[in-house]
Amino acid sequence: MSNKTKLEEQIINLVNDFNHKLYDKVVNRALELKKLNKEISILPNLIGASYAGKNDHEKAIFYYREALKIDPNNFELINNLGKSQIEIKEFDEAIKSFEKSKKINQNNFDTYFNLGLI
């Protein structure tokens, strides 16, 4: 099995663990993988989403921003950032995030929904 295939399998397992709300497991394993794979945005995104699932939105925002340094035009990452900004009542920042997301993908319902929530 190639290293790329092994990494892909590990990421799939992380997503499955995330979907089962095993947030601590996801954070710990993704942090390990991130040490060797610094240019893969899904790892800090999964860490951020796990912290958001644990209602620790400050840490979630930190990791979403880290992921956005790798993949700055990923509208899903930007939406995740905006959702956590809403949770900590950073409404102006959340609006900026969703507006940026909207410029990248004008057809994403989630972006408009979250703008409506604000």
PDB file of N, CA and C in Angstrom:
ATOM      1  N   MET A   1       0.853  -1.182   0.000  1.00  0.00           N
ATOM      2  CA  MET A   1       0.000   0.000   0.000  1.00  0.00           C
ATOM      3  C   MET A   1       0.894   1.238   0.000  1.00  0.00           C
ATOM      4  N   SER A   2       0.610   2.162  -0.894  1.00  0.00           N
ATOM      5  CA  SER A   2       1.412   3.382  -0.976  1.00  0.00           C
ATOM      6  C   SER A   2       1.105   4.295   0.206  1.00  0.00           C
ATOM      7  N   ASN A   3       2.016   5.211   0.465  1.00  0.00           N
ATOM      8  CA  ASN A   3       1.810   6.178   1.561  1.00  0.00           C
ATOM      9  C   ASN A   3       0.579   7.028   1.319  1.00  0.00           C
ATOM     10  N   LYS A   4       0.350   7.402   0.055  1.00  0.00           N
ATOM     11  CA  LYS A   4      -0.820   8.218  -0.285  1.00  0.00           C
ATOM     12  C   LYS A   4      -2.113   7.448   0.008  1.00  0.00           C
ATOM     13  N   THR A   5      -2.150   6.186  -0.389  1.00  0.00           N
ATOM     14  CA  THR A   5      -3.333   5.353  -0.143  1.00  0.00           C
ATOM     15  C   THR A   5      -3.555   5.170   1.352  1.00  0.00           C
ATOM     16  N   LYS A   6      -2.473   4.969   2.091  1.00  0.00           N
ATOM     17  CA  LYS A   6      -2.575   4.805   3.544  1.00  0.00           C
ATOM     18  C   LYS A   6      -3.122   6.082   4.193  1.00  0.00           C
ATOM     19  N   LEU A   7      -2.622   7.242   3.751  1.00  0.00           N
ATOM     20  CA  LEU A   7      -3.100   8.512   4.290  1.00  0.00           C
ATOM     21  C   LEU A   7      -4.580   8.707   3.964  1.00  0.00           C
ATOM     22  N   GLU A   8      -4.966   8.415   2.740  1.00  0.00           N
ATOM     23  CA  GLU A   8      -6.374   8.539   2.351  1.00  0.00           C
ATOM     24  C   GLU A   8      -7.257   7.655   3.224  1.00  0.00           C
ATOM     25  N   GLU A   9      -6.802   6.444   3.496  1.00  0.00           N
ATOM     26  CA  GLU A   9      -7.556   5.525   4.357  1.00  0.00           C
ATOM     27  C   GLU A   9      -7.663   6.078   5.777  1.00  0.00           C
ATOM     28  N   GLN A  10      -6.576   6.652   6.277  1.00  0.00           N
ATOM     29  CA  GLN A  10      -6.595   7.233   7.621  1.00  0.00           C
ATOM     30  C   GLN A  10      -7.553   8.426   7.690  1.00  0.00           C
ATOM     31  N   ILE A  11      -7.591   9.225   6.641  1.00  0.00           N
ATOM     32  CA  ILE A  11      -8.503  10.376   6.614  1.00  0.00           C
ATOM     33  C   ILE A  11      -9.953   9.894   6.571  1.00  0.00           C
ATOM     34  N   ILE A  12     -10.224   8.860   5.788  1.00  0.00           N
ATOM     35  CA  ILE A  12     -11.578   8.290   5.749  1.00  0.00           C
ATOM     36  C   ILE A  12     -11.975   7.800   7.134  1.00  0.00           C
ATOM     37  N   ASN A  13     -11.053   7.159   7.827  1.00  0.00           N
ATOM     38  CA  ASN A  13     -11.334   6.694   9.190  1.00  0.00           C
ATOM     39  C   ASN A  13     -11.598   7.867  10.129  1.00  0.00           C
ATOM     40  N   LEU A  14     -10.843   8.954   9.955  1.00  0.00           N
ATOM     41  CA  LEU A  14     -11.084  10.150  10.774  1.00  0.00           C
ATOM     42  C   LEU A  14     -12.478  10.724  10.523  1.00  0.00           C
ATOM     43  N   VAL A  15     -12.877  10.778   9.271  1.00  0.00           N
ATOM     44  CA  VAL A  15     -14.210  11.291   8.937  1.00  0.00           C
ATOM     45  C   VAL A  15     -15.282  10.390   9.554  1.00  0.00           C
ATOM     46  N   ASN A  16     -15.085   9.095   9.489  1.00  0.00           N
ATOM     47  CA  ASN A  16     -16.041   8.167  10.112  1.00  0.00           C
ATOM     48  C   ASN A  16     -16.108   8.379  11.617  1.00  0.00           C
ATOM     49  N   ASP A  17     -14.942   8.532  12.251  1.00  0.00           N
ATOM     50  CA  ASP A  17     -14.921   8.801  13.692  1.00  0.00           C
ATOM     51  C   ASP A  17     -15.610  10.130  14.002  1.00  0.00           C
ATOM     52  N   PHE A  18     -15.375  11.129  13.168  1.00  0.00           N
ATOM     53  CA  PHE A  18     -16.037  12.422  13.354  1.00  0.00           C
ATOM     54  C   PHE A  18     -17.558  12.245  13.265  1.00  0.00           C
ATOM     55  N   ASN A  19     -18.002  11.505  12.271  1.00  0.00           N
ATOM     56  CA  ASN A  19     -19.442  11.284  12.099  1.00  0.00           C
ATOM     57  C   ASN A  19     -20.057  10.528  13.271  1.00  0.00           C
ATOM     58  N   HIS A  20     -19.229   9.777  13.992  1.00  0.00           N
ATOM     59  CA  HIS A  20     -19.696   9.076  15.196  1.00  0.00           C
ATOM     60  C   HIS A  20     -19.443   9.889  16.468  1.00  0.00           C
ATOM     61  N   LYS A  21     -19.057  11.154  16.274  1.00  0.00           N
ATOM     62  CA  LYS A  21     -18.842  12.111  17.360  1.00  0.00           C
ATOM     63  C   LYS A  21     -17.729  11.700  18.315  1.00  0.00           C
ATOM     64  N   LEU A  22     -16.727  11.034  17.788  1.00  0.00           N
ATOM     65  CA  LEU A  22     -15.548  10.659  18.572  1.00  0.00           C
ATOM     66  C   LEU A  22     -14.512  11.777  18.441  1.00  0.00           C
ATOM     67  N   TYR A  23     -14.899  12.955  18.921  1.00  0.00           N
ATOM     68  CA  TYR A  23     -14.140  14.168  18.667  1.00  0.00           C
ATOM     69  C   TYR A  23     -12.721  14.143  19.246  1.00  0.00           C
ATOM     70  N   ASP A  24     -12.556  13.645  20.461  1.00  0.00           N
ATOM     71  CA  ASP A  24     -11.214  13.602  21.044  1.00  0.00           C
ATOM     72  C   ASP A  24     -10.296  12.692  20.234  1.00  0.00           C
ATOM     73  N   LYS A  25     -10.819  11.567  19.800  1.00  0.00           N
ATOM     74  CA  LYS A  25     -10.045  10.639  18.980  1.00  0.00           C
ATOM     75  C   LYS A  25      -9.630  11.313  17.674  1.00  0.00           C
ATOM     76  N   VAL A  26     -10.552  12.034  17.050  1.00  0.00           N
ATOM     77  CA  VAL A  26     -10.257  12.721  15.794  1.00  0.00           C
ATOM     78  C   VAL A  26      -9.167  13.769  16.013  1.00  0.00           C
ATOM     79  N   VAL A  27      -9.308  14.574  17.051  1.00  0.00           N
ATOM     80  CA  VAL A  27      -8.322  15.622  17.323  1.00  0.00           C
ATOM     81  C   VAL A  27      -6.943  15.008  17.521  1.00  0.00           C
ATOM     82  N   ASN A  28      -6.849  13.999  18.367  1.00  0.00           N
ATOM     83  CA  ASN A  28      -5.548  13.407  18.670  1.00  0.00           C
ATOM     84  C   ASN A  28      -4.905  12.786  17.431  1.00  0.00           C
ATOM     85  N   ARG A  29      -5.669  12.036  16.675  1.00  0.00           N
ATOM     86  CA  ARG A  29      -5.115  11.367  15.495  1.00  0.00           C
ATOM     87  C   ARG A  29      -4.797  12.371  14.377  1.00  0.00           C
ATOM     88  N   ALA A  30      -5.673  13.355  14.176  1.00  0.00           N
ATOM     89  CA  ALA A  30      -5.427  14.353  13.132  1.00  0.00           C
ATOM     90  C   ALA A  30      -4.200  15.201  13.464  1.00  0.00           C
ATOM     91  N   LEU A  31      -3.989  15.500  14.730  1.00  0.00           N
ATOM     92  CA  LEU A  31      -2.790  16.247  15.121  1.00  0.00           C
ATOM     93  C   LEU A  31      -1.530  15.449  14.798  1.00  0.00           C
ATOM     94  N   GLU A  32      -1.575  14.147  15.033  1.00  0.00           N
ATOM     95  CA  GLU A  32      -0.428  13.292  14.693  1.00  0.00           C
ATOM     96  C   GLU A  32      -0.175  13.302  13.188  1.00  0.00           C
ATOM     97  N   LEU A  33      -1.230  13.112  12.419  1.00  0.00           N
ATOM     98  CA  LEU A  33      -1.094  13.078  10.960  1.00  0.00           C
ATOM     99  C   LEU A  33      -0.629  14.416  10.399  1.00  0.00           C
ATOM    100  N   LYS A  34      -1.086  15.486  11.024  1.00  0.00           N
ATOM    101  CA  LYS A  34      -0.760  16.837  10.557  1.00  0.00           C
ATOM    102  C   LYS A  34       0.736  17.130  10.683  1.00  0.00           C
ATOM    103  N   LYS A  35       1.398  16.516  11.646  1.00  0.00           N
ATOM    104  CA  LYS A  35       2.840  16.725  11.808  1.00  0.00           C
ATOM    105  C   LYS A  35       3.608  16.314  10.553  1.00  0.00           C
ATOM    106  N   LEU A  36       3.138  15.279   9.891  1.00  0.00           N
ATOM    107  CA  LEU A  36       3.821  14.760   8.707  1.00  0.00           C
ATOM    108  C   LEU A  36       3.190  15.238   7.402  1.00  0.00           C
ATOM    109  N   ASN A  37       2.015  15.843   7.489  1.00  0.00           N
ATOM    110  CA  ASN A  37       1.257  16.239   6.302  1.00  0.00           C
ATOM    111  C   ASN A  37       0.741  17.662   6.483  1.00  0.00           C
ATOM    112  N   LYS A  38       1.667  18.592   6.499  1.00  0.00           N
ATOM    113  CA  LYS A  38       1.341  19.980   6.825  1.00  0.00           C
ATOM    114  C   LYS A  38       0.542  20.702   5.747  1.00  0.00           C
ATOM    115  N   GLU A  39       0.491  20.177   4.555  1.00  0.00           N
ATOM    116  CA  GLU A  39      -0.166  20.870   3.442  1.00  0.00           C
ATOM    117  C   GLU A  39      -1.521  20.252   3.067  1.00  0.00           C
ATOM    118  N   ILE A  40      -2.128  19.524   3.990  1.00  0.00           N
ATOM    119  CA  ILE A  40      -3.430  18.908   3.724  1.00  0.00           C
ATOM    120  C   ILE A  40      -4.461  19.598   4.610  1.00  0.00           C
ATOM    121  N   SER A  41      -5.323  20.393   3.994  1.00  0.00           N
ATOM    122  CA  SER A  41      -6.250  21.238   4.761  1.00  0.00           C
ATOM    123  C   SER A  41      -7.331  20.464   5.488  1.00  0.00           C
ATOM    124  N   ILE A  42      -7.625  19.249   5.047  1.00  0.00           N
ATOM    125  CA  ILE A  42      -8.701  18.512   5.714  1.00  0.00           C
ATOM    126  C   ILE A  42      -8.336  18.164   7.153  1.00  0.00           C
ATOM    127  N   LEU A  43      -7.053  18.031   7.448  1.00  0.00           N
ATOM    128  CA  LEU A  43      -6.663  17.673   8.815  1.00  0.00           C
ATOM    129  C   LEU A  43      -6.978  18.789   9.806  1.00  0.00           C
ATOM    130  N   PRO A  44      -6.509  20.036   9.600  1.00  0.00           N
ATOM    131  CA  PRO A  44      -6.921  21.083  10.541  1.00  0.00           C
ATOM    132  C   PRO A  44      -8.422  21.368  10.474  1.00  0.00           C
ATOM    133  N   ASN A  45      -9.044  21.136   9.319  1.00  0.00           N
ATOM    134  CA  ASN A  45     -10.499  21.313   9.239  1.00  0.00           C
ATOM    135  C   ASN A  45     -11.207  20.303  10.150  1.00  0.00           C
ATOM    136  N   LEU A  46     -10.768  19.047  10.118  1.00  0.00           N
ATOM    137  CA  LEU A  46     -11.380  18.033  10.991  1.00  0.00           C
ATOM    138  C   LEU A  46     -11.127  18.342  12.460  1.00  0.00           C
ATOM    139  N   ILE A  47      -9.959  18.863  12.756  1.00  0.00           N
ATOM    140  CA  ILE A  47      -9.676  19.252  14.146  1.00  0.00           C
ATOM    141  C   ILE A  47     -10.613  20.390  14.550  1.00  0.00           C
ATOM    142  N   GLY A  48     -10.741  21.384  13.686  1.00  0.00           N
ATOM    143  CA  GLY A  48     -11.643  22.495  13.977  1.00  0.00           C
ATOM    144  C   GLY A  48     -13.074  22.045  14.136  1.00  0.00           C
ATOM    145  N   ALA A  49     -13.530  21.195  13.235  1.00  0.00           N
ATOM    146  CA  ALA A  49     -14.908  20.706  13.310  1.00  0.00           C
ATOM    147  C   ALA A  49     -15.132  19.891  14.582  1.00  0.00           C
ATOM    148  N   SER A  50     -14.104  19.159  15.008  1.00  0.00           N
ATOM    149  CA  SER A  50     -14.221  18.385  16.249  1.00  0.00           C
ATOM    150  C   SER A  50     -14.334  19.316  17.451  1.00  0.00           C
ATOM    151  N   TYR A  51     -13.522  20.364  17.465  1.00  0.00           N
ATOM    152  CA  TYR A  51     -13.643  21.340  18.555  1.00  0.00           C
ATOM    153  C   TYR A  51     -15.004  22.031  18.513  1.00  0.00           C
ATOM    154  N   ALA A  52     -15.497  22.326  17.323  1.00  0.00           N
ATOM    155  CA  ALA A  52     -16.833  22.915  17.217  1.00  0.00           C
ATOM    156  C   ALA A  52     -17.870  21.944  17.763  1.00  0.00           C
ATOM    157  N   GLY A  53     -17.709  20.652  17.463  1.00  0.00           N
ATOM    158  CA  GLY A  53     -18.618  19.636  17.992  1.00  0.00           C
ATOM    159  C   GLY A  53     -18.584  19.555  19.505  1.00  0.00           C
ATOM    160  N   LYS A  54     -17.442  19.921  20.075  1.00  0.00           N
ATOM    161  CA  LYS A  54     -17.296  19.948  21.539  1.00  0.00           C
ATOM    162  C   LYS A  54     -17.662  21.317  22.109  1.00  0.00           C
ATOM    163  N   ASN A  55     -18.154  22.210  21.237  1.00  0.00           N
ATOM    164  CA  ASN A  55     -18.562  23.562  21.621  1.00  0.00           C
ATOM    165  C   ASN A  55     -17.389  24.426  22.098  1.00  0.00           C
ATOM    166  N   ASP A  56     -16.203  24.155  21.569  1.00  0.00           N
ATOM    167  CA  ASP A  56     -15.027  24.973  21.853  1.00  0.00           C
ATOM    168  C   ASP A  56     -14.698  25.725  20.562  1.00  0.00           C
ATOM    169  N   HIS A  57     -15.453  26.779  20.335  1.00  0.00           N
ATOM    170  CA  HIS A  57     -15.372  27.482  19.060  1.00  0.00           C
ATOM    171  C   HIS A  57     -14.118  28.340  18.907  1.00  0.00           C
ATOM    172  N   GLU A  58     -13.520  28.749  19.994  1.00  0.00           N
ATOM    173  CA  GLU A  58     -12.255  29.497  19.900  1.00  0.00           C
ATOM    174  C   GLU A  58     -11.180  28.607  19.273  1.00  0.00           C
ATOM    175  N   LYS A  59     -11.061  27.373  19.766  1.00  0.00           N
ATOM    176  CA  LYS A  59     -10.083  26.445  19.197  1.00  0.00           C
ATOM    177  C   LYS A  59     -10.479  26.060  17.780  1.00  0.00           C
ATOM    178  N   ALA A  60     -11.779  25.898  17.540  1.00  0.00           N
ATOM    179  CA  ALA A  60     -12.241  25.568  16.186  1.00  0.00           C
ATOM    180  C   ALA A  60     -11.796  26.648  15.213  1.00  0.00           C
ATOM    181  N   ILE A  61     -11.981  27.899  15.571  1.00  0.00           N
ATOM    182  CA  ILE A  61     -11.598  29.021  14.711  1.00  0.00           C
ATOM    183  C   ILE A  61     -10.098  29.002  14.428  1.00  0.00           C
ATOM    184  N   PHE A  62      -9.311  28.710  15.441  1.00  0.00           N
ATOM    185  CA  PHE A  62      -7.863  28.632  15.251  1.00  0.00           C
ATOM    186  C   PHE A  62      -7.522  27.620  14.161  1.00  0.00           C
ATOM    187  N   TYR A  63      -8.112  26.443  14.229  1.00  0.00           N
ATOM    188  CA  TYR A  63      -7.786  25.390  13.260  1.00  0.00           C
ATOM    189  C   TYR A  63      -8.411  25.652  11.894  1.00  0.00           C
ATOM    190  N   TYR A  64      -9.589  26.260  11.848  1.00  0.00           N
ATOM    191  CA  TYR A  64     -10.147  26.627  10.542  1.00  0.00           C
ATOM    192  C   TYR A  64      -9.229  27.637   9.847  1.00  0.00           C
ATOM    193  N   ARG A  65      -8.718  28.582  10.604  1.00  0.00           N
ATOM    194  CA  ARG A  65      -7.807  29.576  10.008  1.00  0.00           C
ATOM    195  C   ARG A  65      -6.517  28.909   9.541  1.00  0.00           C
ATOM    196  N   GLU A  66      -6.066  27.932  10.293  1.00  0.00           N
ATOM    197  CA  GLU A  66      -4.882  27.178   9.881  1.00  0.00           C
ATOM    198  C   GLU A  66      -5.155  26.446   8.564  1.00  0.00           C
ATOM    199  N   ALA A  67      -6.315  25.841   8.451  1.00  0.00           N
ATOM    200  CA  ALA A  67      -6.695  25.147   7.217  1.00  0.00           C
ATOM    201  C   ALA A  67      -6.803  26.129   6.052  1.00  0.00           C
ATOM    202  N   LEU A  68      -7.316  27.322   6.327  1.00  0.00           N
ATOM    203  CA  LEU A  68      -7.472  28.325   5.268  1.00  0.00           C
ATOM    204  C   LEU A  68      -6.135  28.870   4.777  1.00  0.00           C
ATOM    205  N   LYS A  69      -5.090  28.789   5.582  1.00  0.00           N
ATOM    206  CA  LYS A  69      -3.755  29.169   5.113  1.00  0.00           C
ATOM    207  C   LYS A  69      -3.297  28.204   4.021  1.00  0.00           C
ATOM    208  N   ILE A  70      -3.744  26.974   4.106  1.00  0.00           N
ATOM    209  CA  ILE A  70      -3.384  25.949   3.118  1.00  0.00           C
ATOM    210  C   ILE A  70      -4.291  26.053   1.899  1.00  0.00           C
ATOM    211  N   ASP A  71      -5.570  26.280   2.140  1.00  0.00           N
ATOM    212  CA  ASP A  71      -6.577  26.268   1.067  1.00  0.00           C
ATOM    213  C   ASP A  71      -7.497  27.480   1.218  1.00  0.00           C
ATOM    214  N   PRO A  72      -7.005  28.676   0.873  1.00  0.00           N
ATOM    215  CA  PRO A  72      -7.727  29.916   1.182  1.00  0.00           C
ATOM    216  C   PRO A  72      -9.040  30.119   0.432  1.00  0.00           C
ATOM    217  N   ASN A  73      -9.279  29.389  -0.627  1.00  0.00           N
ATOM    218  CA  ASN A  73     -10.508  29.572  -1.396  1.00  0.00           C
ATOM    219  C   ASN A  73     -11.489  28.423  -1.240  1.00  0.00           C
ATOM    220  N   ASN A  74     -11.382  27.697  -0.147  1.00  0.00           N
ATOM    221  CA  ASN A  74     -12.283  26.586   0.119  1.00  0.00           C
ATOM    222  C   ASN A  74     -13.512  27.133   0.850  1.00  0.00           C
ATOM    223  N   PHE A  75     -14.613  27.259   0.117  1.00  0.00           N
ATOM    224  CA  PHE A  75     -15.811  27.884   0.699  1.00  0.00           C
ATOM    225  C   PHE A  75     -16.368  27.074   1.872  1.00  0.00           C
ATOM    226  N   GLU A  76     -16.173  25.775   1.887  1.00  0.00           N
ATOM    227  CA  GLU A  76     -16.659  24.971   3.018  1.00  0.00           C
ATOM    228  C   GLU A  76     -15.893  25.300   4.293  1.00  0.00           C
ATOM    229  N   LEU A  77     -14.589  25.469   4.174  1.00  0.00           N
ATOM    230  CA  LEU A  77     -13.779  25.889   5.328  1.00  0.00           C
ATOM    231  C   LEU A  77     -14.220  27.261   5.818  1.00  0.00           C
ATOM    232  N   ILE A  78     -14.447  28.162   4.871  1.00  0.00           N
ATOM    233  CA  ILE A  78     -14.864  29.520   5.239  1.00  0.00           C
ATOM    234  C   ILE A  78     -16.227  29.477   5.931  1.00  0.00           C
ATOM    235  N   ASN A  79     -17.121  28.635   5.454  1.00  0.00           N
ATOM    236  CA  ASN A  79     -18.426  28.487   6.117  1.00  0.00           C
ATOM    237  C   ASN A  79     -18.270  27.928   7.523  1.00  0.00           C
ATOM    238  N   ASN A  80     -17.384  26.951   7.683  1.00  0.00           N
ATOM    239  CA  ASN A  80     -17.146  26.402   9.022  1.00  0.00           C
ATOM    240  C   ASN A  80     -16.643  27.495   9.964  1.00  0.00           C
ATOM    241  N   LEU A  81     -15.721  28.300   9.468  1.00  0.00           N
ATOM    242  CA  LEU A  81     -15.210  29.420  10.252  1.00  0.00           C
ATOM    243  C   LEU A  81     -16.358  30.348  10.648  1.00  0.00           C
ATOM    244  N   GLY A  82     -17.182  30.714   9.677  1.00  0.00           N
ATOM    245  CA  GLY A  82     -18.309  31.611   9.951  1.00  0.00           C
ATOM    246  C   GLY A  82     -19.280  31.048  10.978  1.00  0.00           C
ATOM    247  N   LYS A  83     -19.537  29.760  10.913  1.00  0.00           N
ATOM    248  CA  LYS A  83     -20.461  29.137  11.876  1.00  0.00           C
ATOM    249  C   LYS A  83     -19.916  29.237  13.298  1.00  0.00           C
ATOM    250  N   SER A  84     -18.620  29.001  13.461  1.00  0.00           N
ATOM    251  CA  SER A  84     -18.040  29.129  14.798  1.00  0.00           C
ATOM    252  C   SER A  84     -18.013  30.588  15.239  1.00  0.00           C
ATOM    253  N   GLN A  85     -17.809  31.502  14.295  1.00  0.00           N
ATOM    254  CA  GLN A  85     -17.850  32.924  14.647  1.00  0.00           C
ATOM    255  C   GLN A  85     -19.246  33.320  15.126  1.00  0.00           C
ATOM    256  N   ILE A  86     -20.269  32.753  14.522  1.00  0.00           N
ATOM    257  CA  ILE A  86     -21.638  33.008  15.000  1.00  0.00           C
ATOM    258  C   ILE A  86     -21.774  32.536  16.444  1.00  0.00           C
ATOM    259  N   GLU A  87     -21.267  31.343  16.720  1.00  0.00           N
ATOM    260  CA  GLU A  87     -21.428  30.753  18.054  1.00  0.00           C
ATOM    261  C   GLU A  87     -20.790  31.582  19.155  1.00  0.00           C
ATOM    262  N   ILE A  88     -19.716  32.304  18.827  1.00  0.00           N
ATOM    263  CA  ILE A  88     -19.091  33.145  19.860  1.00  0.00           C
ATOM    264  C   ILE A  88     -19.487  34.614  19.680  1.00  0.00           C
ATOM    265  N   LYS A  89     -20.539  34.807  18.894  1.00  0.00           N
ATOM    266  CA  LYS A  89     -21.157  36.113  18.706  1.00  0.00           C
ATOM    267  C   LYS A  89     -20.247  37.141  18.039  1.00  0.00           C
ATOM    268  N   GLU A  90     -19.341  36.669  17.185  1.00  0.00           N
ATOM    269  CA  GLU A  90     -18.531  37.558  16.346  1.00  0.00           C
ATOM    270  C   GLU A  90     -19.275  37.733  15.024  1.00  0.00           C
ATOM    271  N   PHE A  91     -20.409  38.401  15.097  1.00  0.00           N
ATOM    272  CA  PHE A  91     -21.305  38.480  13.954  1.00  0.00           C
ATOM    273  C   PHE A  91     -20.702  39.224  12.765  1.00  0.00           C
ATOM    274  N   ASP A  92     -19.999  40.327  13.018  1.00  0.00           N
ATOM    275  CA  ASP A  92     -19.395  41.067  11.906  1.00  0.00           C
ATOM    276  C   ASP A  92     -18.361  40.214  11.180  1.00  0.00           C
ATOM    277  N   GLU A  93     -17.563  39.465  11.938  1.00  0.00           N
ATOM    278  CA  GLU A  93     -16.564  38.593  11.327  1.00  0.00           C
ATOM    279  C   GLU A  93     -17.235  37.450  10.570  1.00  0.00           C
ATOM    280  N   ALA A  94     -18.319  36.929  11.133  1.00  0.00           N
ATOM    281  CA  ALA A  94     -19.051  35.852  10.469  1.00  0.00           C
ATOM    282  C   ALA A  94     -19.631  36.334   9.141  1.00  0.00           C
ATOM    283  N   ILE A  95     -20.170  37.542   9.134  1.00  0.00           N
ATOM    284  CA  ILE A  95     -20.706  38.103   7.881  1.00  0.00           C
ATOM    285  C   ILE A  95     -19.594  38.193   6.844  1.00  0.00           C
ATOM    286  N   LYS A  96     -18.418  38.664   7.248  1.00  0.00           N
ATOM    287  CA  LYS A  96     -17.283  38.747   6.319  1.00  0.00           C
ATOM    288  C   LYS A  96     -16.936  37.365   5.766  1.00  0.00           C
ATOM    289  N   SER A  97     -16.947  36.378   6.640  1.00  0.00           N
ATOM    290  CA  SER A  97     -16.634  35.019   6.199  1.00  0.00           C
ATOM    291  C   SER A  97     -17.645  34.523   5.179  1.00  0.00           C
ATOM    292  N   PHE A  98     -18.924  34.687   5.478  1.00  0.00           N
ATOM    293  CA  PHE A  98     -19.953  34.199   4.559  1.00  0.00           C
ATOM    294  C   PHE A  98     -19.972  34.987   3.248  1.00  0.00           C
ATOM    295  N   GLU A  99     -19.682  36.282   3.323  1.00  0.00           N
ATOM    296  CA  GLU A  99     -19.609  37.075   2.092  1.00  0.00           C
ATOM    297  C   GLU A  99     -18.440  36.600   1.221  1.00  0.00           C
ATOM    298  N   LYS A 100     -17.320  36.274   1.840  1.00  0.00           N
ATOM    299  CA  LYS A 100     -16.181  35.735   1.097  1.00  0.00           C
ATOM    300  C   LYS A 100     -16.552  34.387   0.479  1.00  0.00           C
ATOM    301  N   SER A 101     -17.221  33.562   1.251  1.00  0.00           N
ATOM    302  CA  SER A 101     -17.654  32.257   0.746  1.00  0.00           C
ATOM    303  C   SER A 101     -18.592  32.418  -0.443  1.00  0.00           C
ATOM    304  N   LYS A 102     -19.487  33.379  -0.344  1.00  0.00           N
ATOM    305  CA  LYS A 102     -20.460  33.629  -1.409  1.00  0.00           C
ATOM    306  C   LYS A 102     -19.769  34.058  -2.706  1.00  0.00           C
ATOM    307  N   LYS A 103     -18.683  34.808  -2.595  1.00  0.00           N
ATOM    308  CA  LYS A 103     -17.929  35.210  -3.784  1.00  0.00           C
ATOM    309  C   LYS A 103     -17.294  34.006  -4.470  1.00  0.00           C
ATOM    310  N   ILE A 104     -16.907  33.019  -3.681  1.00  0.00           N
ATOM    311  CA  ILE A 104     -16.258  31.829  -4.226  1.00  0.00           C
ATOM    312  C   ILE A 104     -17.286  30.876  -4.831  1.00  0.00           C
ATOM    313  N   ASN A 105     -18.405  30.708  -4.133  1.00  0.00           N
ATOM    314  CA  ASN A 105     -19.451  29.790  -4.605  1.00  0.00           C
ATOM    315  C   ASN A 105     -20.813  30.430  -4.338  1.00  0.00           C
ATOM    316  N   GLN A 106     -21.415  30.941  -5.365  1.00  0.00           N
ATOM    317  CA  GLN A 106     -22.696  31.635  -5.226  1.00  0.00           C
ATOM    318  C   GLN A 106     -23.876  30.684  -5.095  1.00  0.00           C
ATOM    319  N   ASN A 107     -23.653  29.399  -5.240  1.00  0.00           N
ATOM    320  CA  ASN A 107     -24.754  28.431  -5.234  1.00  0.00           C
ATOM    321  C   ASN A 107     -24.822  27.592  -3.971  1.00  0.00           C
ATOM    322  N   ASN A 108     -24.134  27.999  -2.922  1.00  0.00           N
ATOM    323  CA  ASN A 108     -24.123  27.207  -1.701  1.00  0.00           C
ATOM    324  C   ASN A 108     -25.217  27.694  -0.750  1.00  0.00           C
ATOM    325  N   PHE A 109     -26.232  26.866  -0.578  1.00  0.00           N
ATOM    326  CA  PHE A 109     -27.360  27.211   0.284  1.00  0.00           C
ATOM    327  C   PHE A 109     -26.914  27.507   1.708  1.00  0.00           C
ATOM    328  N   ASP A 110     -25.940  26.748   2.204  1.00  0.00           N
ATOM    329  CA  ASP A 110     -25.481  26.894   3.578  1.00  0.00           C
ATOM    330  C   ASP A 110     -24.995  28.310   3.851  1.00  0.00           C
ATOM    331  N   THR A 111     -24.324  28.913   2.891  1.00  0.00           N
ATOM    332  CA  THR A 111     -23.825  30.274   3.058  1.00  0.00           C
ATOM    333  C   THR A 111     -24.977  31.243   3.269  1.00  0.00           C
ATOM    334  N   TYR A 112     -25.987  31.166   2.435  1.00  0.00           N
ATOM    335  CA  TYR A 112     -27.144  32.060   2.523  1.00  0.00           C
ATOM    336  C   TYR A 112     -27.941  31.808   3.795  1.00  0.00           C
ATOM    337  N   PHE A 113     -28.075  30.543   4.154  1.00  0.00           N
ATOM    338  CA  PHE A 113     -28.793  30.188   5.380  1.00  0.00           C
ATOM    339  C   PHE A 113     -28.128  30.847   6.589  1.00  0.00           C
ATOM    340  N   ASN A 114     -26.794  30.733   6.660  1.00  0.00           N
ATOM    341  CA  ASN A 114     -26.087  31.291   7.802  1.00  0.00           C
ATOM    342  C   ASN A 114     -26.090  32.813   7.806  1.00  0.00           C
ATOM    343  N   LEU A 115     -26.048  33.424   6.636  1.00  0.00           N
ATOM    344  CA  LEU A 115     -26.208  34.881   6.579  1.00  0.00           C
ATOM    345  C   LEU A 115     -27.581  35.278   7.112  1.00  0.00           C
ATOM    346  N   GLY A 116     -28.583  34.488   6.777  1.00  0.00           N
ATOM    347  CA  GLY A 116     -29.936  34.743   7.276  1.00  0.00           C
ATOM    348  C   GLY A 116     -30.017  34.603   8.787  1.00  0.00           C
ATOM    349  N   LEU A 117     -29.271  33.650   9.348  1.00  0.00           N
ATOM    350  CA  LEU A 117     -29.280  33.480  10.805  1.00  0.00           C
ATOM    351  C   LEU A 117     -28.718  34.708  11.521  1.00  0.00           C
ATOM    352  N   ILE A 118     -27.709  35.291  10.934  1.00  0.00           N
ATOM    353  CA  ILE A 118     -27.079  36.464  11.555  1.00  0.00           C
ATOM    354  C   ILE A 118     -28.054  37.620  11.522  1.00  0.00           C
TER     355      ILE A 118
END
